[in-house]
Amino acid sequence: MSADTVRNQEATYEASARNRLKRRIVELKKGATTAHVRSEIGGGSIVTASITNEAVDELGLAVGGDA
């Protein structure tokens, strides 16, 4: 059995840019134009996203908040 087969059997959904995952923001660092947002998605898994500073402000993102 290949690693891809095992991975696919364990997944309950496929992640894409259009999926929405409930998560809590654990770190947010703004740069000149882009922010790096680290979020916990459960079970200790961390996802890091790079988004514009404008998007951070529009979405009202903050450490400790839900995203």
PDB file of N, CA and C in Angstrom:
ATOM      1  N   MET A   1       0.855  -1.174   0.000  1.00  0.00           N
ATOM      2  CA  MET A   1       0.000   0.000   0.000  1.00  0.00           C
ATOM      3  C   MET A   1       0.899   1.234   0.000  1.00  0.00           C
ATOM      4  N   SER A   2       0.615   2.183  -0.881  1.00  0.00           N
ATOM      5  CA  SER A   2       1.450   3.376  -0.980  1.00  0.00           C
ATOM      6  C   SER A   2       1.085   4.393   0.094  1.00  0.00           C
ATOM      7  N   ALA A   3       2.003   5.332   0.339  1.00  0.00           N
ATOM      8  CA  ALA A   3       1.767   6.394   1.331  1.00  0.00           C
ATOM      9  C   ALA A   3       0.561   7.231   0.935  1.00  0.00           C
ATOM     10  N   ASP A   4       0.379   7.467  -0.377  1.00  0.00           N
ATOM     11  CA  ASP A   4      -0.770   8.250  -0.842  1.00  0.00           C
ATOM     12  C   ASP A   4      -2.076   7.546  -0.524  1.00  0.00           C
ATOM     13  N   THR A   5      -2.098   6.232  -0.666  1.00  0.00           N
ATOM     14  CA  THR A   5      -3.304   5.469  -0.362  1.00  0.00           C
ATOM     15  C   THR A   5      -3.643   5.585   1.118  1.00  0.00           C
ATOM     16  N   VAL A   6      -2.650   5.435   1.977  1.00  0.00           N
ATOM     17  CA  VAL A   6      -2.868   5.550   3.413  1.00  0.00           C
ATOM     18  C   VAL A   6      -3.365   6.947   3.745  1.00  0.00           C
ATOM     19  N   ARG A   7      -2.702   7.960   3.196  1.00  0.00           N
ATOM     20  CA  ARG A   7      -3.085   9.344   3.448  1.00  0.00           C
ATOM     21  C   ARG A   7      -4.536   9.574   3.031  1.00  0.00           C
ATOM     22  N   ASN A   8      -4.933   9.065   1.872  1.00  0.00           N
ATOM     23  CA  ASN A   8      -6.293   9.267   1.385  1.00  0.00           C
ATOM     24  C   ASN A   8      -7.317   8.551   2.252  1.00  0.00           C
ATOM     25  N   GLN A   9      -6.959   7.398   2.826  1.00  0.00           N
ATOM     26  CA  GLN A   9      -7.887   6.672   3.680  1.00  0.00           C
ATOM     27  C   GLN A   9      -8.123   7.404   4.992  1.00  0.00           C
ATOM     28  N   GLU A  10      -7.126   8.131   5.481  1.00  0.00           N
ATOM     29  CA  GLU A  10      -7.253   8.842   6.745  1.00  0.00           C
ATOM     30  C   GLU A  10      -7.980  10.163   6.606  1.00  0.00           C
ATOM     31  N   ALA A  11      -7.938  10.777   5.438  1.00  0.00           N
ATOM     32  CA  ALA A  11      -8.560  12.087   5.238  1.00  0.00           C
ATOM     33  C   ALA A  11     -10.071  11.960   5.145  1.00  0.00           C
ATOM     34  N   THR A  12     -10.772  12.886   5.781  1.00  0.00           N
ATOM     35  CA  THR A  12     -12.227  12.901   5.709  1.00  0.00           C
ATOM     36  C   THR A  12     -12.706  13.931   4.701  1.00  0.00           C
ATOM     37  N   TYR A  13     -11.813  14.770   4.216  1.00  0.00           N
ATOM     38  CA  TYR A  13     -12.125  15.758   3.204  1.00  0.00           C
ATOM     39  C   TYR A  13     -10.840  16.135   2.499  1.00  0.00           C
ATOM     40  N   GLU A  14     -10.976  16.807   1.375  1.00  0.00           N
ATOM     41  CA  GLU A  14      -9.808  17.270   0.647  1.00  0.00           C
ATOM     42  C   GLU A  14      -9.660  18.761   0.892  1.00  0.00           C
ATOM     43  N   ALA A  15      -8.488  19.206   1.289  1.00  0.00           N
ATOM     44  CA  ALA A  15      -8.249  20.622   1.547  1.00  0.00           C
ATOM     45  C   ALA A  15      -7.982  21.350   0.237  1.00  0.00           C
ATOM     46  N   SER A  16      -8.542  22.502   0.103  1.00  0.00           N
ATOM     47  CA  SER A  16      -8.267  23.374  -1.036  1.00  0.00           C
ATOM     48  C   SER A  16      -8.425  24.808  -0.559  1.00  0.00           C
ATOM     49  N   ALA A  17      -8.093  25.736  -1.429  1.00  0.00           N
ATOM     50  CA  ALA A  17      -8.219  27.156  -1.078  1.00  0.00           C
ATOM     51  C   ALA A  17      -9.662  27.525  -0.766  1.00  0.00           C
ATOM     52  N   ARG A  18     -10.607  26.746  -1.227  1.00  0.00           N
ATOM     53  CA  ARG A  18     -12.019  27.057  -1.003  1.00  0.00           C
ATOM     54  C   ARG A  18     -12.590  26.422   0.257  1.00  0.00           C
ATOM     55  N   ASN A  19     -11.874  25.452   0.848  1.00  0.00           N
ATOM     56  CA  ASN A  19     -12.346  24.849   2.088  1.00  0.00           C
ATOM     57  C   ASN A  19     -12.209  25.846   3.222  1.00  0.00           C
ATOM     58  N   ARG A  20     -13.099  25.717   4.175  1.00  0.00           N
ATOM     59  CA  ARG A  20     -13.000  26.549   5.362  1.00  0.00           C
ATOM     60  C   ARG A  20     -12.786  25.640   6.549  1.00  0.00           C
ATOM     61  N   LEU A  21     -11.701  25.878   7.245  1.00  0.00           N
ATOM     62  CA  LEU A  21     -11.359  25.082   8.413  1.00  0.00           C
ATOM     63  C   LEU A  21     -11.471  25.967   9.638  1.00  0.00           C
ATOM     64  N   LYS A  22     -12.228  25.511  10.652  1.00  0.00           N
ATOM     65  CA  LYS A  22     -12.305  26.276  11.881  1.00  0.00           C
ATOM     66  C   LYS A  22     -10.964  26.195  12.583  1.00  0.00           C
ATOM     67  N   ARG A  23     -10.447  27.339  12.979  1.00  0.00           N
ATOM     68  CA  ARG A  23      -9.138  27.361  13.617  1.00  0.00           C
ATOM     69  C   ARG A  23      -8.990  28.558  14.536  1.00  0.00           C
ATOM     70  N   ARG A  24      -8.013  28.472  15.439  1.00  0.00           N
ATOM     71  CA  ARG A  24      -7.705  29.558  16.365  1.00  0.00           C
ATOM     72  C   ARG A  24      -6.329  30.108  16.002  1.00  0.00           C
ATOM     73  N   ILE A  25      -6.232  31.435  15.895  1.00  0.00           N
ATOM     74  CA  ILE A  25      -4.976  32.079  15.526  1.00  0.00           C
ATOM     75  C   ILE A  25      -4.032  32.060  16.716  1.00  0.00           C
ATOM     76  N   VAL A  26      -2.826  31.513  16.500  1.00  0.00           N
ATOM     77  CA  VAL A  26      -1.837  31.425  17.569  1.00  0.00           C
ATOM     78  C   VAL A  26      -0.683  32.411  17.379  1.00  0.00           C
ATOM     79  N   GLU A  27      -0.493  32.911  16.163  1.00  0.00           N
ATOM     80  CA  GLU A  27       0.554  33.894  15.905  1.00  0.00           C
ATOM     81  C   GLU A  27       0.219  34.666  14.644  1.00  0.00           C
ATOM     82  N   LEU A  28       0.478  35.954  14.652  1.00  0.00           N
ATOM     83  CA  LEU A  28       0.222  36.799  13.492  1.00  0.00           C
ATOM     84  C   LEU A  28       1.369  37.801  13.389  1.00  0.00           C
ATOM     85  N   LYS A  29       2.089  37.751  12.277  1.00  0.00           N
ATOM     86  CA  LYS A  29       3.207  38.668  12.062  1.00  0.00           C
ATOM     87  C   LYS A  29       2.990  39.428  10.768  1.00  0.00           C
ATOM     88  N   LYS A  30       2.852  40.752  10.876  1.00  0.00           N
ATOM     89  CA  LYS A  30       2.709  41.582   9.690  1.00  0.00           C
ATOM     90  C   LYS A  30       4.079  42.025   9.199  1.00  0.00           C
ATOM     91  N   GLY A  31       4.250  41.966   7.888  1.00  0.00           N
ATOM     92  CA  GLY A  31       5.448  42.491   7.245  1.00  0.00           C
ATOM     93  C   GLY A  31       5.090  43.793   6.544  1.00  0.00           C
ATOM     94  N   ALA A  32       5.875  44.170   5.554  1.00  0.00           N
ATOM     95  CA  ALA A  32       5.631  45.412   4.822  1.00  0.00           C
ATOM     96  C   ALA A  32       4.280  45.377   4.091  1.00  0.00           C
ATOM     97  N   THR A  33       3.963  44.247   3.460  1.00  0.00           N
ATOM     98  CA  THR A  33       2.699  44.134   2.726  1.00  0.00           C
ATOM     99  C   THR A  33       1.946  42.843   3.023  1.00  0.00           C
ATOM    100  N   THR A  34       2.662  41.837   3.537  1.00  0.00           N
ATOM    101  CA  THR A  34       2.086  40.511   3.741  1.00  0.00           C
ATOM    102  C   THR A  34       2.191  40.093   5.198  1.00  0.00           C
ATOM    103  N   ALA A  35       1.173  39.405   5.675  1.00  0.00           N
ATOM    104  CA  ALA A  35       1.168  38.875   7.033  1.00  0.00           C
ATOM    105  C   ALA A  35       1.249  37.357   6.987  1.00  0.00           C
ATOM    106  N   HIS A  36       1.913  36.778   7.985  1.00  0.00           N
ATOM    107  CA  HIS A  36       1.942  35.328   8.161  1.00  0.00           C
ATOM    108  C   HIS A  36       1.071  35.019   9.363  1.00  0.00           C
ATOM    109  N   VAL A  37       0.059  34.210   9.137  1.00  0.00           N
ATOM    110  CA  VAL A  37      -0.915  33.869  10.170  1.00  0.00           C
ATOM    111  C   VAL A  37      -0.784  32.386  10.484  1.00  0.00           C
ATOM    112  N   ARG A  38      -0.389  32.062  11.725  1.00  0.00           N
ATOM    113  CA  ARG A  38      -0.274  30.668  12.164  1.00  0.00           C
ATOM    114  C   ARG A  38      -1.534  30.337  12.956  1.00  0.00           C
ATOM    115  N   SER A  39      -2.194  29.241  12.571  1.00  0.00           N
ATOM    116  CA  SER A  39      -3.446  28.846  13.194  1.00  0.00           C
ATOM    117  C   SER A  39      -3.421  27.383  13.580  1.00  0.00           C
ATOM    118  N   GLU A  40      -4.031  27.056  14.718  1.00  0.00           N
ATOM    119  CA  GLU A  40      -4.179  25.670  15.140  1.00  0.00           C
ATOM    120  C   GLU A  40      -5.525  25.174  14.629  1.00  0.00           C
ATOM    121  N   ILE A  41      -5.498  24.028  13.954  1.00  0.00           N
ATOM    122  CA  ILE A  41      -6.735  23.495  13.377  1.00  0.00           C
ATOM    123  C   ILE A  41      -7.245  22.278  14.128  1.00  0.00           C
ATOM    124  N   GLY A  42      -6.693  22.004  15.287  1.00  0.00           N
ATOM    125  CA  GLY A  42      -7.151  20.876  16.085  1.00  0.00           C
ATOM    126  C   GLY A  42      -6.101  19.793  16.157  1.00  0.00           C
ATOM    127  N   GLY A  43      -6.050  19.140  17.269  1.00  0.00           N
ATOM    128  CA  GLY A  43      -5.105  18.065  17.454  1.00  0.00           C
ATOM    129  C   GLY A  43      -3.662  18.525  17.448  1.00  0.00           C
ATOM    130  N   GLY A  44      -3.447  19.820  17.638  1.00  0.00           N
ATOM    131  CA  GLY A  44      -2.098  20.359  17.653  1.00  0.00           C
ATOM    132  C   GLY A  44      -1.525  20.663  16.287  1.00  0.00           C
ATOM    133  N   SER A  45      -2.293  20.453  15.232  1.00  0.00           N
ATOM    134  CA  SER A  45      -1.823  20.756  13.878  1.00  0.00           C
ATOM    135  C   SER A  45      -1.828  22.263  13.653  1.00  0.00           C
ATOM    136  N   ILE A  46      -0.746  22.763  13.060  1.00  0.00           N
ATOM    137  CA  ILE A  46      -0.605  24.192  12.789  1.00  0.00           C
ATOM    138  C   ILE A  46      -0.570  24.407  11.282  1.00  0.00           C
ATOM    139  N   VAL A  47      -1.309  25.413  10.819  1.00  0.00           N
ATOM    140  CA  VAL A  47      -1.318  25.813   9.418  1.00  0.00           C
ATOM    141  C   VAL A  47      -0.833  27.254   9.368  1.00  0.00           C
ATOM    142  N   THR A  48       0.067  27.558   8.447  1.00  0.00           N
ATOM    143  CA  THR A  48       0.537  28.929   8.263  1.00  0.00           C
ATOM    144  C   THR A  48       0.057  29.429   6.911  1.00  0.00           C
ATOM    145  N   ALA A  49      -0.548  30.613   6.919  1.00  0.00           N
ATOM    146  CA  ALA A  49      -1.044  31.224   5.686  1.00  0.00           C
ATOM    147  C   ALA A  49      -0.375  32.577   5.506  1.00  0.00           C
ATOM    148  N   SER A  50      -0.075  32.920   4.276  1.00  0.00           N
ATOM    149  CA  SER A  50       0.431  34.245   3.937  1.00  0.00           C
ATOM    150  C   SER A  50      -0.685  35.000   3.240  1.00  0.00           C
ATOM    151  N   ILE A  51      -1.111  36.092   3.843  1.00  0.00           N
ATOM    152  CA  ILE A  51      -2.175  36.904   3.269  1.00  0.00           C
ATOM    153  C   ILE A  51      -1.768  38.372   3.367  1.00  0.00           C
ATOM    154  N   THR A  52      -2.469  39.229   2.659  1.00  0.00           N
ATOM    155  CA  THR A  52      -2.121  40.645   2.698  1.00  0.00           C
ATOM    156  C   THR A  52      -2.488  41.254   4.043  1.00  0.00           C
ATOM    157  N   ASN A  53      -1.758  42.300   4.416  1.00  0.00           N
ATOM    158  CA  ASN A  53      -2.088  43.041   5.632  1.00  0.00           C
ATOM    159  C   ASN A  53      -3.504  43.605   5.544  1.00  0.00           C
ATOM    160  N   GLU A  54      -3.897  44.018   4.355  1.00  0.00           N
ATOM    161  CA  GLU A  54      -5.247  44.547   4.143  1.00  0.00           C
ATOM    162  C   GLU A  54      -6.298  43.487   4.491  1.00  0.00           C
ATOM    163  N   ALA A  55      -6.056  42.230   4.091  1.00  0.00           N
ATOM    164  CA  ALA A  55      -6.997  41.154   4.400  1.00  0.00           C
ATOM    165  C   ALA A  55      -7.069  40.911   5.904  1.00  0.00           C
ATOM    166  N   VAL A  56      -5.917  40.969   6.593  1.00  0.00           N
ATOM    167  CA  VAL A  56      -5.903  40.803   8.054  1.00  0.00           C
ATOM    168  C   VAL A  56      -6.809  41.851   8.692  1.00  0.00           C
ATOM    169  N   ASP A  57      -6.649  43.103   8.258  1.00  0.00           N
ATOM    170  CA  ASP A  57      -7.449  44.191   8.829  1.00  0.00           C
ATOM    171  C   ASP A  57      -8.929  44.039   8.486  1.00  0.00           C
ATOM    172  N   GLU A  58      -9.249  43.725   7.231  1.00  0.00           N
ATOM    173  CA  GLU A  58     -10.651  43.555   6.813  1.00  0.00           C
ATOM    174  C   GLU A  58     -11.341  42.420   7.556  1.00  0.00           C
ATOM    175  N   LEU A  59     -10.605  41.335   7.813  1.00  0.00           N
ATOM    176  CA  LEU A  59     -11.183  40.180   8.499  1.00  0.00           C
ATOM    177  C   LEU A  59     -11.152  40.321  10.021  1.00  0.00           C
ATOM    178  N   GLY A  60     -10.446  41.339  10.517  1.00  0.00           N
ATOM    179  CA  GLY A  60     -10.355  41.553  11.958  1.00  0.00           C
ATOM    180  C   GLY A  60      -9.611  40.433  12.667  1.00  0.00           C
ATOM    181  N   LEU A  61      -8.581  39.885  12.023  1.00  0.00           N
ATOM    182  CA  LEU A  61      -7.840  38.769  12.602  1.00  0.00           C
ATOM    183  C   LEU A  61      -6.958  39.241  13.742  1.00  0.00           C
ATOM    184  N   ALA A  62      -6.878  38.432  14.798  1.00  0.00           N
ATOM    185  CA  ALA A  62      -6.041  38.743  15.955  1.00  0.00           C
ATOM    186  C   ALA A  62      -5.677  37.445  16.673  1.00  0.00           C
ATOM    187  N   VAL A  63      -4.519  37.445  17.324  1.00  0.00           N
ATOM    188  CA  VAL A  63      -4.082  36.282  18.082  1.00  0.00           C
ATOM    189  C   VAL A  63      -5.139  35.931  19.130  1.00  0.00           C
ATOM    190  N   GLY A  64      -5.472  34.640  19.219  1.00  0.00           N
ATOM    191  CA  GLY A  64      -6.487  34.165  20.146  1.00  0.00           C
ATOM    192  C   GLY A  64      -7.880  34.124  19.545  1.00  0.00           C
ATOM    193  N   GLY A  65      -8.058  34.781  18.424  1.00  0.00           N
ATOM    194  CA  GLY A  65      -9.370  34.808  17.773  1.00  0.00           C
ATOM    195  C   GLY A  65      -9.579  33.616  16.856  1.00  0.00           C
ATOM    196  N   ASP A  66     -10.819  33.362  16.544  1.00  0.00           N
ATOM    197  CA  ASP A  66     -11.163  32.311  15.588  1.00  0.00           C
ATOM    198  C   ASP A  66     -11.042  32.871  14.178  1.00  0.00           C
ATOM    199  N   ALA A  67     -10.754  31.982  13.264  1.00  0.00           N
ATOM    200  CA  ALA A  67     -10.676  32.374  11.860  1.00  0.00           C
ATOM    201  C   ALA A  67     -11.442  31.374  11.029  1.00  0.00           C
TER     202      ALA A  67
END
